Amino acid sequence: MTKVSTYLTFNDVTQFIIDNPSRISEIMEVCKEHRLTDRELAILKYIHTSFQEHTSPSIAKRFDLSIQASSNYLTNLFKRGYLMRRDVGDPSGGIMFEYELTHKGFKYVK
């Protein structure tokens, strides 16, 4: 049985559906998992083009979001493999991450 790749093009998916109609639900799950919202894509593009630090507070300010909402977007993109992060420490003593694109994230902003 052929494994569904998570890096299929539209034409690949179309051909795979034609060849494997019984596996449509599996394909839909893969597509759903890798689909980006407009806001997520905008955040990735901003991180790619901006030369400032990319932390929850800086993204929140740029996109007029709460810091919590910004953190949720960034954490989700990190967990899905679009961003990498490093702990830069929060001046108040908490945890703060700075984010950069991964190769997977870079593919969406070319």
N, C-alpha and C. Protein backbone atom coordinates (compact mmCIF):
# COMPACT_ATOMS: atom_id res chain seq x y z
N MET A 1 0.84 -1.18 0.00
CA MET A 1 0.00 0.00 0.00
C MET A 1 0.89 1.24 0.00
N THR A 2 0.57 2.21 -0.83
CA THR A 2 1.34 3.44 -0.93
C THR A 2 1.03 4.37 0.23
N LYS A 3 2.05 4.91 0.86
CA LYS A 3 1.87 5.87 1.96
C LYS A 3 1.62 7.25 1.36
N VAL A 4 0.70 8.00 1.93
CA VAL A 4 0.41 9.35 1.45
C VAL A 4 1.50 10.28 1.96
N SER A 5 2.16 10.97 1.06
CA SER A 5 3.21 11.92 1.42
C SER A 5 2.58 13.22 1.90
N THR A 6 3.26 13.92 2.80
CA THR A 6 2.75 15.21 3.26
C THR A 6 3.24 16.35 2.38
N TYR A 7 4.01 16.05 1.32
CA TYR A 7 4.53 17.09 0.44
C TYR A 7 4.08 16.86 -1.00
N LEU A 8 2.79 16.68 -1.18
CA LEU A 8 2.24 16.45 -2.50
C LEU A 8 1.83 17.77 -3.15
N THR A 9 2.00 17.86 -4.45
CA THR A 9 1.49 19.01 -5.19
C THR A 9 0.02 18.76 -5.51
N PHE A 10 -0.64 19.78 -6.02
CA PHE A 10 -2.04 19.64 -6.39
C PHE A 10 -2.21 18.54 -7.44
N ASN A 11 -1.33 18.52 -8.44
CA ASN A 11 -1.41 17.50 -9.48
C ASN A 11 -1.16 16.10 -8.91
N ASP A 12 -0.24 16.00 -7.95
CA ASP A 12 0.01 14.71 -7.31
C ASP A 12 -1.23 14.23 -6.58
N VAL A 13 -1.88 15.12 -5.85
CA VAL A 13 -3.08 14.75 -5.11
C VAL A 13 -4.18 14.32 -6.06
N THR A 14 -4.37 15.08 -7.13
CA THR A 14 -5.39 14.75 -8.12
C THR A 14 -5.15 13.35 -8.69
N GLN A 15 -3.92 13.07 -9.08
CA GLN A 15 -3.60 11.76 -9.64
C GLN A 15 -3.76 10.65 -8.60
N PHE A 16 -3.36 10.94 -7.37
CA PHE A 16 -3.48 9.95 -6.30
C PHE A 16 -4.95 9.60 -6.05
N ILE A 17 -5.83 10.61 -6.06
CA ILE A 17 -7.27 10.37 -5.87
C ILE A 17 -7.81 9.51 -7.00
N ILE A 18 -7.39 9.81 -8.21
CA ILE A 18 -7.85 9.01 -9.36
C ILE A 18 -7.40 7.56 -9.22
N ASP A 19 -6.15 7.38 -8.77
CA ASP A 19 -5.59 6.04 -8.64
C ASP A 19 -6.07 5.30 -7.38
N ASN A 20 -6.47 6.04 -6.35
CA ASN A 20 -6.82 5.45 -5.05
C ASN A 20 -8.08 6.08 -4.48
N PRO A 21 -9.23 5.94 -5.13
CA PRO A 21 -10.43 6.62 -4.65
C PRO A 21 -10.87 6.23 -3.24
N SER A 22 -10.48 5.05 -2.78
CA SER A 22 -10.88 4.62 -1.44
C SER A 22 -10.08 5.32 -0.34
N ARG A 23 -9.03 6.08 -0.69
CA ARG A 23 -8.17 6.72 0.31
C ARG A 23 -8.38 8.24 0.39
N ILE A 24 -9.50 8.72 -0.11
CA ILE A 24 -9.77 10.16 -0.10
C ILE A 24 -9.75 10.73 1.31
N SER A 25 -10.32 10.03 2.29
CA SER A 25 -10.36 10.56 3.65
C SER A 25 -8.95 10.73 4.22
N GLU A 26 -8.04 9.81 3.89
CA GLU A 26 -6.65 9.93 4.33
C GLU A 26 -5.99 11.16 3.71
N ILE A 27 -6.25 11.37 2.44
CA ILE A 27 -5.69 12.54 1.74
C ILE A 27 -6.23 13.82 2.34
N MET A 28 -7.52 13.85 2.64
CA MET A 28 -8.13 15.05 3.22
C MET A 28 -7.52 15.37 4.57
N GLU A 29 -7.21 14.38 5.39
CA GLU A 29 -6.58 14.61 6.68
C GLU A 29 -5.19 15.22 6.51
N VAL A 30 -4.43 14.72 5.56
CA VAL A 30 -3.10 15.27 5.31
C VAL A 30 -3.22 16.72 4.85
N CYS A 31 -4.15 17.00 3.95
CA CYS A 31 -4.34 18.38 3.46
C CYS A 31 -4.78 19.30 4.59
N LYS A 32 -5.68 18.83 5.43
CA LYS A 32 -6.19 19.63 6.55
C LYS A 32 -5.07 19.96 7.53
N GLU A 33 -4.22 18.97 7.79
CA GLU A 33 -3.11 19.16 8.72
C GLU A 33 -2.12 20.21 8.24
N HIS A 34 -1.94 20.33 6.93
CA HIS A 34 -0.93 21.23 6.39
C HIS A 34 -1.48 22.52 5.80
N ARG A 35 -2.77 22.71 5.89
CA ARG A 35 -3.38 23.92 5.36
C ARG A 35 -3.07 25.09 6.31
N LEU A 36 -2.73 26.23 5.72
CA LEU A 36 -2.45 27.44 6.50
C LEU A 36 -3.59 28.43 6.34
N THR A 37 -3.95 29.10 7.43
CA THR A 37 -4.93 30.16 7.35
C THR A 37 -4.25 31.40 6.75
N ASP A 38 -5.04 32.37 6.35
CA ASP A 38 -4.48 33.62 5.81
C ASP A 38 -3.60 34.30 6.86
N ARG A 39 -4.03 34.28 8.12
CA ARG A 39 -3.25 34.91 9.19
C ARG A 39 -1.93 34.17 9.40
N GLU A 40 -1.97 32.85 9.40
CA GLU A 40 -0.74 32.07 9.57
C GLU A 40 0.25 32.35 8.43
N LEU A 41 -0.26 32.39 7.22
CA LEU A 41 0.60 32.69 6.07
C LEU A 41 1.17 34.10 6.18
N ALA A 42 0.36 35.06 6.61
CA ALA A 42 0.84 36.43 6.78
C ALA A 42 1.95 36.50 7.83
N ILE A 43 1.80 35.74 8.92
CA ILE A 43 2.84 35.70 9.96
C ILE A 43 4.13 35.12 9.39
N LEU A 44 4.02 34.02 8.64
CA LEU A 44 5.23 33.44 8.04
C LEU A 44 5.91 34.42 7.09
N LYS A 45 5.12 35.11 6.28
CA LYS A 45 5.69 36.09 5.34
C LYS A 45 6.35 37.24 6.09
N TYR A 46 5.72 37.69 7.16
CA TYR A 46 6.30 38.77 7.96
C TYR A 46 7.63 38.33 8.58
N ILE A 47 7.67 37.14 9.12
CA ILE A 47 8.91 36.64 9.71
C ILE A 47 10.00 36.53 8.65
N HIS A 48 9.62 36.15 7.46
CA HIS A 48 10.59 36.01 6.37
C HIS A 48 11.16 37.36 5.93
N THR A 49 10.33 38.39 5.91
CA THR A 49 10.76 39.68 5.35
C THR A 49 11.22 40.69 6.39
N SER A 50 10.89 40.47 7.64
CA SER A 50 11.21 41.43 8.69
C SER A 50 12.57 41.10 9.30
N PHE A 51 13.33 42.15 9.64
CA PHE A 51 14.64 41.94 10.24
C PHE A 51 14.63 42.20 11.74
N GLN A 52 13.44 42.33 12.35
CA GLN A 52 13.35 42.53 13.79
C GLN A 52 13.26 41.16 14.48
N GLU A 53 13.22 41.19 15.81
CA GLU A 53 13.02 39.94 16.53
C GLU A 53 11.59 39.47 16.30
N HIS A 54 11.39 38.19 16.32
CA HIS A 54 10.08 37.60 16.07
C HIS A 54 9.62 36.85 17.31
N THR A 55 9.07 37.59 18.25
CA THR A 55 8.56 37.05 19.50
C THR A 55 7.05 37.25 19.54
N SER A 56 6.41 36.64 20.52
CA SER A 56 4.96 36.83 20.66
C SER A 56 4.58 38.31 20.77
N PRO A 57 5.27 39.10 21.61
CA PRO A 57 4.90 40.51 21.69
C PRO A 57 5.10 41.28 20.38
N SER A 58 6.17 40.99 19.64
CA SER A 58 6.40 41.72 18.39
C SER A 58 5.38 41.33 17.31
N ILE A 59 5.02 40.06 17.25
CA ILE A 59 3.99 39.61 16.30
C ILE A 59 2.63 40.17 16.71
N ALA A 60 2.35 40.18 18.01
CA ALA A 60 1.08 40.74 18.51
C ALA A 60 0.94 42.20 18.10
N LYS A 61 2.00 42.95 18.27
CA LYS A 61 1.97 44.37 17.91
C LYS A 61 1.77 44.56 16.41
N ARG A 62 2.49 43.80 15.60
CA ARG A 62 2.42 43.94 14.14
C ARG A 62 1.04 43.59 13.60
N PHE A 63 0.39 42.56 14.17
CA PHE A 63 -0.89 42.08 13.64
C PHE A 63 -2.08 42.48 14.50
N ASP A 64 -1.86 43.38 15.46
CA ASP A 64 -2.93 43.87 16.33
C ASP A 64 -3.66 42.71 17.02
N LEU A 65 -2.87 41.85 17.66
CA LEU A 65 -3.39 40.69 18.38
C LEU A 65 -3.04 40.82 19.86
N SER A 66 -3.69 40.05 20.68
CA SER A 66 -3.24 39.94 22.06
C SER A 66 -1.95 39.10 22.06
N ILE A 67 -1.15 39.25 23.08
CA ILE A 67 0.08 38.45 23.16
C ILE A 67 -0.28 36.97 23.24
N GLN A 68 -1.35 36.63 23.94
CA GLN A 68 -1.77 35.23 24.04
C GLN A 68 -2.16 34.68 22.67
N ALA A 69 -2.92 35.44 21.88
CA ALA A 69 -3.31 34.99 20.54
C ALA A 69 -2.07 34.82 19.66
N SER A 70 -1.16 35.78 19.74
CA SER A 70 0.08 35.70 18.98
C SER A 70 0.87 34.46 19.38
N SER A 71 0.97 34.21 20.67
CA SER A 71 1.67 33.03 21.17
C SER A 71 1.03 31.75 20.66
N ASN A 72 -0.29 31.71 20.62
CA ASN A 72 -1.00 30.54 20.11
C ASN A 72 -0.68 30.28 18.64
N TYR A 73 -0.70 31.34 17.82
CA TYR A 73 -0.35 31.20 16.40
C TYR A 73 1.07 30.67 16.24
N LEU A 74 2.02 31.30 16.94
CA LEU A 74 3.42 30.92 16.82
C LEU A 74 3.67 29.50 17.31
N THR A 75 3.07 29.13 18.43
CA THR A 75 3.23 27.78 18.96
C THR A 75 2.66 26.75 18.00
N ASN A 76 1.50 27.03 17.44
CA ASN A 76 0.88 26.13 16.47
C ASN A 76 1.77 25.96 15.24
N LEU A 77 2.29 27.06 14.70
CA LEU A 77 3.18 26.98 13.54
C LEU A 77 4.46 26.24 13.88
N PHE A 78 4.96 26.41 15.10
CA PHE A 78 6.14 25.69 15.55
C PHE A 78 5.85 24.18 15.62
N LYS A 79 4.75 23.81 16.24
CA LYS A 79 4.41 22.39 16.40
C LYS A 79 4.17 21.71 15.06
N ARG A 80 3.71 22.46 14.07
CA ARG A 80 3.45 21.90 12.75
C ARG A 80 4.69 21.93 11.85
N GLY A 81 5.80 22.45 12.37
CA GLY A 81 7.06 22.39 11.65
C GLY A 81 7.38 23.55 10.73
N TYR A 82 6.58 24.63 10.79
CA TYR A 82 6.84 25.79 9.93
C TYR A 82 7.85 26.75 10.55
N LEU A 83 7.98 26.71 11.87
CA LEU A 83 8.89 27.61 12.59
C LEU A 83 9.79 26.81 13.52
N MET A 84 10.99 27.35 13.77
CA MET A 84 11.83 26.85 14.85
C MET A 84 11.92 27.98 15.87
N ARG A 85 12.26 27.64 17.10
CA ARG A 85 12.30 28.68 18.12
C ARG A 85 13.46 28.43 19.08
N ARG A 86 13.85 29.52 19.74
CA ARG A 86 14.87 29.42 20.78
C ARG A 86 14.44 30.31 21.92
N ASP A 87 14.73 29.85 23.12
CA ASP A 87 14.36 30.58 24.33
C ASP A 87 15.31 31.76 24.49
N VAL A 88 14.76 32.98 24.47
CA VAL A 88 15.57 34.18 24.66
C VAL A 88 15.34 34.80 26.03
N GLY A 89 14.47 34.19 26.82
CA GLY A 89 14.20 34.69 28.17
C GLY A 89 13.36 35.94 28.17
N ASP A 90 12.47 36.02 29.10
CA ASP A 90 11.59 37.18 29.27
C ASP A 90 12.18 38.05 30.37
N PRO A 91 12.26 39.38 30.14
CA PRO A 91 12.80 40.26 31.18
C PRO A 91 12.09 40.14 32.53
N SER A 92 10.82 39.70 32.50
CA SER A 92 10.08 39.56 33.76
C SER A 92 10.37 38.22 34.45
N GLY A 93 11.22 37.41 33.84
CA GLY A 93 11.59 36.13 34.43
C GLY A 93 10.89 34.93 33.82
N GLY A 94 9.97 35.14 32.92
CA GLY A 94 9.25 34.04 32.28
C GLY A 94 10.00 33.49 31.08
N ILE A 95 9.29 32.78 30.25
CA ILE A 95 9.85 32.19 29.04
C ILE A 95 9.41 33.04 27.85
N MET A 96 10.35 33.34 26.96
CA MET A 96 10.02 34.01 25.71
C MET A 96 10.84 33.34 24.61
N PHE A 97 10.18 33.07 23.50
CA PHE A 97 10.83 32.44 22.37
C PHE A 97 10.97 33.43 21.23
N GLU A 98 12.06 33.28 20.49
CA GLU A 98 12.23 34.00 19.23
C GLU A 98 12.09 32.94 18.13
N TYR A 99 11.35 33.29 17.09
CA TYR A 99 11.00 32.33 16.05
C TYR A 99 11.68 32.66 14.74
N GLU A 100 12.02 31.61 13.97
CA GLU A 100 12.55 31.72 12.62
C GLU A 100 11.88 30.65 11.76
N LEU A 101 11.90 30.87 10.44
CA LEU A 101 11.32 29.90 9.53
C LEU A 101 12.18 28.64 9.45
N THR A 102 11.52 27.50 9.30
CA THR A 102 12.20 26.26 8.95
C THR A 102 12.19 26.15 7.42
N HIS A 103 12.81 25.10 6.90
CA HIS A 103 12.75 24.88 5.45
C HIS A 103 11.30 24.71 5.00
N LYS A 104 10.52 24.02 5.79
CA LYS A 104 9.10 23.83 5.46
C LYS A 104 8.38 25.17 5.43
N GLY A 105 8.64 26.05 6.41
CA GLY A 105 8.01 27.37 6.42
C GLY A 105 8.45 28.23 5.27
N PHE A 106 9.73 28.11 4.91
CA PHE A 106 10.27 28.92 3.82
C PHE A 106 9.60 28.58 2.49
N LYS A 107 9.18 27.31 2.30
CA LYS A 107 8.54 26.90 1.06
C LYS A 107 7.24 27.68 0.79
N TYR A 108 6.60 28.18 1.87
CA TYR A 108 5.33 28.86 1.71
C TYR A 108 5.46 30.35 1.48
N VAL A 109 6.67 30.89 1.59
CA VAL A 109 6.81 32.33 1.46
C VAL A 109 7.67 32.73 0.26
N LYS A 110 8.09 31.78 -0.53
CA LYS A 110 8.91 32.07 -1.71
C LYS A 110 8.16 32.90 -2.71
